[in-house]
PDB file of N, CA and C in Angstrom:
ATOM      1  N   UNK A   1       6.128   4.679   9.471  1.00  0.00           N
ATOM      2  CA  UNK A   1       6.969   3.931   8.561  1.00  0.00           C
ATOM      3  C   UNK A   1       6.713   2.448   8.763  1.00  0.00           C
ATOM      4  N   UNK A   2       6.710   1.697   7.703  1.00  0.00           N
ATOM      5  CA  UNK A   2       6.528   0.254   7.792  1.00  0.00           C
ATOM      6  C   UNK A   2       7.733  -0.319   8.509  1.00  0.00           C
ATOM      7  N   UNK A   3       7.497  -1.194   9.460  1.00  0.00           N
ATOM      8  CA  UNK A   3       8.584  -1.745  10.259  1.00  0.00           C
ATOM      9  C   UNK A   3       9.544  -2.561   9.407  1.00  0.00           C
ATOM     10  N   UNK A   4      10.827  -2.465   9.750  1.00  0.00           N
ATOM     11  CA  UNK A   4      11.890  -3.074   8.962  1.00  0.00           C
ATOM     12  C   UNK A   4      11.725  -4.568   8.728  1.00  0.00           C
ATOM     13  N   UNK A   5      11.426  -5.402   9.753  1.00  0.00           N
ATOM     14  CA  UNK A   5      11.295  -6.834   9.470  1.00  0.00           C
ATOM     15  C   UNK A   5      10.214  -7.144   8.435  1.00  0.00           C
ATOM     16  N   UNK A   6       9.111  -6.417   8.468  1.00  0.00           N
ATOM     17  CA  UNK A   6       8.032  -6.659   7.506  1.00  0.00           C
ATOM     18  C   UNK A   6       8.457  -6.245   6.102  1.00  0.00           C
ATOM     19  N   UNK A   7       9.196  -5.147   5.998  1.00  0.00           N
ATOM     20  CA  UNK A   7       9.691  -4.730   4.689  1.00  0.00           C
ATOM     21  C   UNK A   7      10.680  -5.743   4.135  1.00  0.00           C
ATOM     22  N   UNK A   8      11.557  -6.251   4.986  1.00  0.00           N
ATOM     23  CA  UNK A   8      12.548  -7.228   4.518  1.00  0.00           C
ATOM     24  C   UNK A   8      11.875  -8.480   3.982  1.00  0.00           C
ATOM     25  N   UNK A   9      10.783  -8.914   4.612  1.00  0.00           N
ATOM     26  CA  UNK A   9      10.069 -10.094   4.109  1.00  0.00           C
ATOM     27  C   UNK A   9       9.527  -9.836   2.711  1.00  0.00           C
ATOM     28  N   UNK A  10       9.217  -8.584   2.416  1.00  0.00           N
ATOM     29  CA  UNK A  10       8.727  -8.217   1.084  1.00  0.00           C
ATOM     30  C   UNK A  10       9.872  -7.923   0.121  1.00  0.00           C
ATOM     31  N   UNK A  11      11.109  -7.949   0.617  1.00  0.00           N
ATOM     32  CA  UNK A  11      12.258  -7.621  -0.222  1.00  0.00           C
ATOM     33  C   UNK A  11      12.448  -6.127  -0.402  1.00  0.00           C
ATOM     34  N   UNK A  12      11.922  -5.312   0.526  1.00  0.00           N
ATOM     35  CA  UNK A  12      12.011  -3.858   0.439  1.00  0.00           C
ATOM     36  C   UNK A  12      12.841  -3.301   1.585  1.00  0.00           C
ATOM     37  N   UNK A  13      13.331  -2.065   1.416  1.00  0.00           N
ATOM     38  CA  UNK A  13      14.060  -1.350   2.458  1.00  0.00           C
ATOM     39  C   UNK A  13      13.281  -0.080   2.782  1.00  0.00           C
ATOM     40  N   UNK A  14      13.368   0.409   4.036  1.00  0.00           N
ATOM     41  CA  UNK A  14      12.659   1.650   4.354  1.00  0.00           C
ATOM     42  C   UNK A  14      13.241   2.829   3.571  1.00  0.00           C
ATOM     43  N   UNK A  15      12.388   3.707   3.106  1.00  0.00           N
ATOM     44  CA  UNK A  15      12.810   4.922   2.418  1.00  0.00           C
ATOM     45  C   UNK A  15      12.679   6.084   3.388  1.00  0.00           C
ATOM     46  N   UNK A  16      13.783   6.707   3.727  1.00  0.00           N
ATOM     47  CA  UNK A  16      13.779   7.834   4.654  1.00  0.00           C
ATOM     48  C   UNK A  16      12.995   8.995   4.051  1.00  0.00           C
ATOM     49  N   UNK A  17      12.063   9.550   4.802  1.00  0.00           N
ATOM     50  CA  UNK A  17      11.290  10.699   4.354  1.00  0.00           C
ATOM     51  C   UNK A  17      10.283  10.405   3.258  1.00  0.00           C
ATOM     52  N   UNK A  18       9.904   9.150   3.103  1.00  0.00           N
ATOM     53  CA  UNK A  18       8.974   8.783   2.028  1.00  0.00           C
ATOM     54  C   UNK A  18       7.577   9.337   2.287  1.00  0.00           C
ATOM     55  N   UNK A  19       6.920   9.717   1.223  1.00  0.00           N
ATOM     56  CA  UNK A  19       5.499  10.057   1.302  1.00  0.00           C
ATOM     57  C   UNK A  19       4.734   8.747   1.291  1.00  0.00           C
ATOM     58  N   UNK A  20       3.812   8.608   2.210  1.00  0.00           N
ATOM     59  CA  UNK A  20       3.021   7.386   2.325  1.00  0.00           C
ATOM     60  C   UNK A  20       1.627   7.643   1.776  1.00  0.00           C
ATOM     61  N   UNK A  21       1.224   6.860   0.802  1.00  0.00           N
ATOM     62  CA  UNK A  21      -0.113   6.956   0.217  1.00  0.00           C
ATOM     63  C   UNK A  21      -0.831   5.661   0.545  1.00  0.00           C
ATOM     64  N   UNK A  22      -1.924   5.761   1.297  1.00  0.00           N
ATOM     65  CA  UNK A  22      -2.673   4.582   1.736  1.00  0.00           C
ATOM     66  C   UNK A  22      -4.035   4.588   1.060  1.00  0.00           C
ATOM     67  N   UNK A  23      -4.388   3.471   0.456  1.00  0.00           N
ATOM     68  CA  UNK A  23      -5.691   3.328  -0.192  1.00  0.00           C
ATOM     69  C   UNK A  23      -6.529   2.299   0.534  1.00  0.00           C
ATOM     70  N   UNK A  24      -7.604   2.743   1.151  1.00  0.00           N
ATOM     71  CA  UNK A  24      -8.448   1.835   1.924  1.00  0.00           C
ATOM     72  C   UNK A  24      -9.448   1.118   1.030  1.00  0.00           C
ATOM     73  N   UNK A  25      -9.853  -0.051   1.481  1.00  0.00           N
ATOM     74  CA  UNK A  25     -10.838  -0.846   0.767  1.00  0.00           C
ATOM     75  C   UNK A  25     -11.160  -2.094   1.558  1.00  0.00           C
ATOM     76  N   UNK A  26     -11.979  -2.942   1.015  1.00  0.00           N
ATOM     77  CA  UNK A  26     -12.304  -4.230   1.624  1.00  0.00           C
ATOM     78  C   UNK A  26     -11.714  -5.337   0.761  1.00  0.00           C
ATOM     79  N   UNK A  27     -11.197  -6.398   1.388  1.00  0.00           N
ATOM     80  CA  UNK A  27     -10.590  -7.479   0.614  1.00  0.00           C
ATOM     81  C   UNK A  27     -11.636  -8.377  -0.044  1.00  0.00           C
ATOM     82  N   UNK A  28     -11.217  -9.058  -1.084  1.00  0.00           N
ATOM     83  CA  UNK A  28     -12.086 -10.044  -1.722  1.00  0.00           C
ATOM     84  C   UNK A  28     -12.697  -9.548  -3.013  1.00  0.00           C
ATOM     85  N   UNK A  29     -12.909 -10.488  -3.917  1.00  0.00           N
ATOM     86  CA  UNK A  29     -13.457 -10.170  -5.237  1.00  0.00           C
ATOM     87  C   UNK A  29     -14.861  -9.577  -5.149  1.00  0.00           C
ATOM     88  N   UNK A  30     -15.630  -9.971  -4.147  1.00  0.00           N
ATOM     89  CA  UNK A  30     -16.988  -9.470  -3.996  1.00  0.00           C
ATOM     90  C   UNK A  30     -17.061  -7.976  -3.730  1.00  0.00           C
ATOM     91  N   UNK A  31     -15.967  -7.399  -3.261  1.00  0.00           N
ATOM     92  CA  UNK A  31     -15.929  -5.969  -2.953  1.00  0.00           C
ATOM     93  C   UNK A  31     -15.143  -5.166  -3.985  1.00  0.00           C
ATOM     94  N   UNK A  32     -14.575  -5.805  -4.990  1.00  0.00           N
ATOM     95  CA  UNK A  32     -13.628  -5.130  -5.880  1.00  0.00           C
ATOM     96  C   UNK A  32     -14.200  -3.886  -6.560  1.00  0.00           C
ATOM     97  N   UNK A  33     -15.465  -3.890  -6.924  1.00  0.00           N
ATOM     98  CA  UNK A  33     -16.066  -2.731  -7.586  1.00  0.00           C
ATOM     99  C   UNK A  33     -16.943  -1.905  -6.648  1.00  0.00           C
ATOM    100  N   UNK A  34     -16.886  -2.195  -5.367  1.00  0.00           N
ATOM    101  CA  UNK A  34     -17.665  -1.480  -4.362  1.00  0.00           C
ATOM    102  C   UNK A  34     -17.114  -0.067  -4.174  1.00  0.00           C
ATOM    103  N   UNK A  35     -17.962   0.877  -3.854  1.00  0.00           N
ATOM    104  CA  UNK A  35     -17.517   2.261  -3.649  1.00  0.00           C
ATOM    105  C   UNK A  35     -16.512   2.368  -2.515  1.00  0.00           C
ATOM    106  N   UNK A  36     -16.552   1.447  -1.575  1.00  0.00           N
ATOM    107  CA  UNK A  36     -15.609   1.483  -0.461  1.00  0.00           C
ATOM    108  C   UNK A  36     -14.193   1.125  -0.905  1.00  0.00           C
ATOM    109  N   UNK A  37     -14.032   0.611  -2.102  1.00  0.00           N
ATOM    110  CA  UNK A  37     -12.707   0.266  -2.615  1.00  0.00           C
ATOM    111  C   UNK A  37     -12.124   1.351  -3.516  1.00  0.00           C
ATOM    112  N   UNK A  38     -12.727   2.508  -3.543  1.00  0.00           N
ATOM    113  CA  UNK A  38     -12.213   3.597  -4.379  1.00  0.00           C
ATOM    114  C   UNK A  38     -10.783   3.958  -3.989  1.00  0.00           C
ATOM    115  N   UNK A  39     -10.463   3.929  -2.709  1.00  0.00           N
ATOM    116  CA  UNK A  39      -9.107   4.250  -2.253  1.00  0.00           C
ATOM    117  C   UNK A  39      -8.088   3.254  -2.756  1.00  0.00           C
ATOM    118  N   UNK A  40      -8.403   1.977  -2.659  1.00  0.00           N
ATOM    119  CA  UNK A  40      -7.489   0.930  -3.125  1.00  0.00           C
ATOM    120  C   UNK A  40      -7.292   1.024  -4.639  1.00  0.00           C
ATOM    121  N   UNK A  41      -8.361   1.293  -5.365  1.00  0.00           N
ATOM    122  CA  UNK A  41      -8.243   1.431  -6.822  1.00  0.00           C
ATOM    123  C   UNK A  41      -7.429   2.675  -7.182  1.00  0.00           C
ATOM    124  N   UNK A  42      -7.612   3.751  -6.430  1.00  0.00           N
ATOM    125  CA  UNK A  42      -6.861   4.985  -6.687  1.00  0.00           C
ATOM    126  C   UNK A  42      -5.367   4.783  -6.470  1.00  0.00           C
ATOM    127  N   UNK A  43      -5.009   4.053  -5.414  1.00  0.00           N
ATOM    128  CA  UNK A  43      -3.595   3.780  -5.153  1.00  0.00           C
ATOM    129  C   UNK A  43      -2.985   2.998  -6.306  1.00  0.00           C
ATOM    130  N   UNK A  44      -3.726   2.072  -6.858  1.00  0.00           N
ATOM    131  CA  UNK A  44      -3.221   1.299  -7.998  1.00  0.00           C
ATOM    132  C   UNK A  44      -2.965   2.213  -9.194  1.00  0.00           C
ATOM    133  N   UNK A  45      -3.847   3.176  -9.439  1.00  0.00           N
ATOM    134  CA  UNK A  45      -3.642   4.128 -10.533  1.00  0.00           C
ATOM    135  C   UNK A  45      -2.422   5.009 -10.281  1.00  0.00           C
ATOM    136  N   UNK A  46      -2.250   5.467  -9.040  1.00  0.00           N
ATOM    137  CA  UNK A  46      -1.081   6.279  -8.682  1.00  0.00           C
ATOM    138  C   UNK A  46       0.190   5.463  -8.877  1.00  0.00           C
ATOM    139  N   UNK A  47       0.176   4.217  -8.394  1.00  0.00           N
ATOM    140  CA  UNK A  47       1.352   3.347  -8.510  1.00  0.00           C
ATOM    141  C   UNK A  47       1.764   3.188  -9.971  1.00  0.00           C
ATOM    142  N   UNK A  48       0.798   2.901 -10.816  1.00  0.00           N
ATOM    143  CA  UNK A  48       1.090   2.736 -12.246  1.00  0.00           C
ATOM    144  C   UNK A  48       1.566   4.045 -12.868  1.00  0.00           C
ATOM    145  N   UNK A  49       0.903   5.140 -12.518  1.00  0.00           N
ATOM    146  CA  UNK A  49       1.264   6.447 -13.072  1.00  0.00           C
ATOM    147  C   UNK A  49       2.675   6.881 -12.716  1.00  0.00           C
ATOM    148  N   UNK A  50       3.142   6.484 -11.535  1.00  0.00           N
ATOM    149  CA  UNK A  50       4.502   6.820 -11.107  1.00  0.00           C
ATOM    150  C   UNK A  50       5.524   5.785 -11.567  1.00  0.00           C
ATOM    151  N   UNK A  51       5.063   4.744 -12.256  1.00  0.00           N
ATOM    152  CA  UNK A  51       5.979   3.712 -12.733  1.00  0.00           C
ATOM    153  C   UNK A  51       6.564   2.864 -11.623  1.00  0.00           C
ATOM    154  N   UNK A  52       5.809   2.696 -10.546  1.00  0.00           N
ATOM    155  CA  UNK A  52       6.283   1.921  -9.400  1.00  0.00           C
ATOM    156  C   UNK A  52       6.087   0.430  -9.654  1.00  0.00           C
ATOM    157  N   UNK A  53       6.857  -0.414  -8.942  1.00  0.00           N
ATOM    158  CA  UNK A  53       6.710  -1.861  -9.116  1.00  0.00           C
ATOM    159  C   UNK A  53       5.373  -2.364  -8.582  1.00  0.00           C
ATOM    160  N   UNK A  54       5.077  -3.622  -8.879  1.00  0.00           N
ATOM    161  CA  UNK A  54       3.855  -4.262  -8.362  1.00  0.00           C
ATOM    162  C   UNK A  54       3.835  -4.216  -6.837  1.00  0.00           C
ATOM    163  N   UNK A  55       2.647  -4.214  -6.273  1.00  0.00           N
ATOM    164  CA  UNK A  55       2.504  -4.268  -4.821  1.00  0.00           C
ATOM    165  C   UNK A  55       2.946  -5.636  -4.314  1.00  0.00           C
ATOM    166  N   UNK A  56       3.767  -5.650  -3.256  1.00  0.00           N
ATOM    167  CA  UNK A  56       4.234  -6.880  -2.623  1.00  0.00           C
ATOM    168  C   UNK A  56       3.285  -7.236  -1.493  1.00  0.00           C
ATOM    169  N   UNK A  57       2.992  -8.514  -1.342  1.00  0.00           N
ATOM    170  CA  UNK A  57       2.048  -8.951  -0.306  1.00  0.00           C
ATOM    171  C   UNK A  57       2.736  -9.193   1.029  1.00  0.00           C
ATOM    172  N   UNK A  58       2.123  -8.685   2.060  1.00  0.00           N
ATOM    173  CA  UNK A  58       2.496  -8.924   3.448  1.00  0.00           C
ATOM    174  C   UNK A  58       1.217  -9.379   4.115  1.00  0.00           C
ATOM    175  N   UNK A  59       1.303  -9.890   5.325  1.00  0.00           N
ATOM    176  CA  UNK A  59       0.127 -10.451   6.002  1.00  0.00           C
ATOM    177  C   UNK A  59      -1.040  -9.473   6.062  1.00  0.00           C
ATOM    178  N   UNK A  60      -0.799  -8.243   6.443  1.00  0.00           N
ATOM    179  CA  UNK A  60      -1.888  -7.285   6.644  1.00  0.00           C
ATOM    180  C   UNK A  60      -2.015  -6.223   5.564  1.00  0.00           C
ATOM    181  N   UNK A  61      -1.068  -6.165   4.640  1.00  0.00           N
ATOM    182  CA  UNK A  61      -1.108  -5.103   3.636  1.00  0.00           C
ATOM    183  C   UNK A  61      -0.340  -5.521   2.391  1.00  0.00           C
ATOM    184  N   UNK A  62      -0.525  -4.727   1.322  1.00  0.00           N
ATOM    185  CA  UNK A  62       0.295  -4.824   0.119  1.00  0.00           C
ATOM    186  C   UNK A  62       1.034  -3.500   0.010  1.00  0.00           C
ATOM    187  N   UNK A  63       2.296  -3.536  -0.379  1.00  0.00           N
ATOM    188  CA  UNK A  63       3.111  -2.324  -0.382  1.00  0.00           C
ATOM    189  C   UNK A  63       4.026  -2.287  -1.603  1.00  0.00           C
ATOM    190  N   UNK A  64       4.263  -1.077  -2.096  1.00  0.00           N
ATOM    191  CA  UNK A  64       5.272  -0.831  -3.127  1.00  0.00           C
ATOM    192  C   UNK A  64       5.937   0.486  -2.775  1.00  0.00           C
ATOM    193  N   UNK A  65       7.201   0.589  -3.104  1.00  0.00           N
ATOM    194  CA  UNK A  65       7.894   1.849  -2.858  1.00  0.00           C
ATOM    195  C   UNK A  65       8.924   2.085  -3.943  1.00  0.00           C
ATOM    196  N   UNK A  66       9.240   3.355  -4.155  1.00  0.00           N
ATOM    197  CA  UNK A  66      10.201   3.706  -5.198  1.00  0.00           C
ATOM    198  C   UNK A  66      10.670   5.136  -4.999  1.00  0.00           C
ATOM    199  N   UNK A  67      11.823   5.422  -5.566  1.00  0.00           N
ATOM    200  CA  UNK A  67      12.284   6.794  -5.690  1.00  0.00           C
ATOM    201  C   UNK A  67      11.637   7.328  -6.966  1.00  0.00           C
ATOM    202  N   UNK A  68      10.930   8.421  -6.858  1.00  0.00           N
ATOM    203  CA  UNK A  68      10.278   9.012  -8.024  1.00  0.00           C
ATOM    204  C   UNK A  68      10.818  10.419  -8.240  1.00  0.00           C
ATOM    205  N   UNK A  69      10.390  11.061  -9.292  1.00  0.00           N
ATOM    206  CA  UNK A  69      10.772  12.451  -9.545  1.00  0.00           C
ATOM    207  C   UNK A  69      10.287  13.362  -8.426  1.00  0.00           C
ATOM    208  N   UNK A  70       9.309  12.894  -7.655  1.00  0.00           N
ATOM    209  CA  UNK A  70       8.739  13.666  -6.553  1.00  0.00           C
ATOM    210  C   UNK A  70       9.366  13.300  -5.216  1.00  0.00           C
ATOM    211  N   UNK A  71      10.396  12.453  -5.219  1.00  0.00           N
ATOM    212  CA  UNK A  71      11.029  11.971  -3.995  1.00  0.00           C
ATOM    213  C   UNK A  71      10.565  10.558  -3.695  1.00  0.00           C
ATOM    214  N   UNK A  72      10.978  10.029  -2.533  1.00  0.00           N
ATOM    215  CA  UNK A  72      10.595   8.661  -2.189  1.00  0.00           C
ATOM    216  C   UNK A  72       9.097   8.558  -1.890  1.00  0.00           C
ATOM    217  N   UNK A  73       8.474   7.525  -2.431  1.00  0.00           N
ATOM    218  CA  UNK A  73       7.035   7.312  -2.248  1.00  0.00           C
ATOM    219  C   UNK A  73       6.799   5.847  -1.899  1.00  0.00           C
ATOM    220  N   UNK A  74       5.911   5.611  -0.942  1.00  0.00           N
ATOM    221  CA  UNK A  74       5.453   4.256  -0.614  1.00  0.00           C
ATOM    222  C   UNK A  74       3.941   4.242  -0.735  1.00  0.00           C
ATOM    223  N   UNK A  75       3.407   3.236  -1.407  1.00  0.00           N
ATOM    224  CA  UNK A  75       1.957   3.074  -1.489  1.00  0.00           C
ATOM    225  C   UNK A  75       1.578   1.793  -0.760  1.00  0.00           C
ATOM    226  N   UNK A  76       0.506   1.875   0.001  1.00  0.00           N
ATOM    227  CA  UNK A  76       0.066   0.758   0.838  1.00  0.00           C
ATOM    228  C   UNK A  76      -1.426   0.553   0.653  1.00  0.00           C
ATOM    229  N   UNK A  77      -1.820  -0.711   0.523  1.00  0.00           N
ATOM    230  CA  UNK A  77      -3.234  -1.082   0.507  1.00  0.00           C
ATOM    231  C   UNK A  77      -3.423  -2.132   1.597  1.00  0.00           C
ATOM    232  N   UNK A  78      -4.127  -1.772   2.690  1.00  0.00           N
ATOM    233  CA  UNK A  78      -4.383  -2.775   3.729  1.00  0.00           C
ATOM    234  C   UNK A  78      -5.162  -3.956   3.160  1.00  0.00           C
ATOM    235  N   UNK A  79      -4.878  -5.154   3.669  1.00  0.00           N
ATOM    236  CA  UNK A  79      -5.598  -6.362   3.254  1.00  0.00           C
ATOM    237  C   UNK A  79      -6.620  -6.735   4.316  1.00  0.00           C
ATOM    238  N   UNK A  80      -7.156  -5.731   4.963  1.00  0.00           N
ATOM    239  CA  UNK A  80      -8.142  -5.922   6.019  1.00  0.00           C
ATOM    240  C   UNK A  80      -9.412  -5.173   5.630  1.00  0.00           C
ATOM    241  N   UNK A  81     -10.489  -5.445   6.331  1.00  0.00           N
ATOM    242  CA  UNK A  81     -11.712  -4.684   6.105  1.00  0.00           C
ATOM    243  C   UNK A  81     -11.515  -3.252   6.598  1.00  0.00           C
ATOM    244  N   UNK A  82     -12.290  -2.345   6.053  1.00  0.00           N
ATOM    245  CA  UNK A  82     -12.152  -0.919   6.350  1.00  0.00           C
ATOM    246  C   UNK A  82     -12.057  -0.636   7.847  1.00  0.00           C
ATOM    247  N   UNK A  83     -12.914  -1.274   8.637  1.00  0.00           N
ATOM    248  CA  UNK A  83     -12.932  -0.975  10.067  1.00  0.00           C
ATOM    249  C   UNK A  83     -11.711  -1.524  10.803  1.00  0.00           C
ATOM    250  N   UNK A  84     -10.872  -2.330  10.138  1.00  0.00           N
ATOM    251  CA  UNK A  84      -9.639  -2.857  10.732  1.00  0.00           C
ATOM    252  C   UNK A  84      -8.395  -2.264  10.069  1.00  0.00           C
ATOM    253  N   UNK A  85      -8.562  -1.302   9.182  1.00  0.00           N
ATOM    254  CA  UNK A  85      -7.436  -0.799   8.401  1.00  0.00           C
ATOM    255  C   UNK A  85      -6.404  -0.058   9.243  1.00  0.00           C
ATOM    256  N   UNK A  86      -6.804   0.532  10.337  1.00  0.00           N
ATOM    257  CA  UNK A  86      -5.848   1.230  11.202  1.00  0.00           C
ATOM    258  C   UNK A  86      -4.757   0.312  11.704  1.00  0.00           C
ATOM    259  N   UNK A  87      -5.120  -0.904  12.060  1.00  0.00           N
ATOM    260  CA  UNK A  87      -4.130  -1.872  12.547  1.00  0.00           C
ATOM    261  C   UNK A  87      -3.151  -2.249  11.443  1.00  0.00           C
ATOM    262  N   UNK A  88      -3.646  -2.404  10.234  1.00  0.00           N
ATOM    263  CA  UNK A  88      -2.772  -2.754   9.109  1.00  0.00           C
ATOM    264  C   UNK A  88      -1.813  -1.613   8.795  1.00  0.00           C
ATOM    265  N   UNK A  89      -2.310  -0.380   8.799  1.00  0.00           N
ATOM    266  CA  UNK A  89      -1.458   0.775   8.508  1.00  0.00           C
ATOM    267  C   UNK A  89      -0.426   0.952   9.617  1.00  0.00           C
ATOM    268  N   UNK A  90      -0.831   0.750  10.848  1.00  0.00           N
ATOM    269  CA  UNK A  90       0.091   0.884  11.976  1.00  0.00           C
ATOM    270  C   UNK A  90       1.233  -0.120  11.886  1.00  0.00           C
ATOM    271  N   UNK A  91       0.935  -1.338  11.420  1.00  0.00           N
ATOM    272  CA  UNK A  91       1.981  -2.363  11.362  1.00  0.00           C
ATOM    273  C   UNK A  91       2.975  -2.045  10.269  1.00  0.00           C
TER     274      UNK A  91
END
């Protein structure tokens, strides 16, 4: 679960029992269409399809969460390179 202080900075509250969907990719415009960003692009499609709000920026990740017809869902896109994404997801 995303730690409470980080969620509060984004204006979000933790959702108990939320499904977490993480989309990996590399930051920067130069990587936006790279195959390694397929996860980040997929999360954006899921977010839109579920009618979730825009992703909020935090230092290491972007996050959105909502109550959906499928229950609570949080989507996260680390703002780190692929090989550093574990640290972003952990935070």
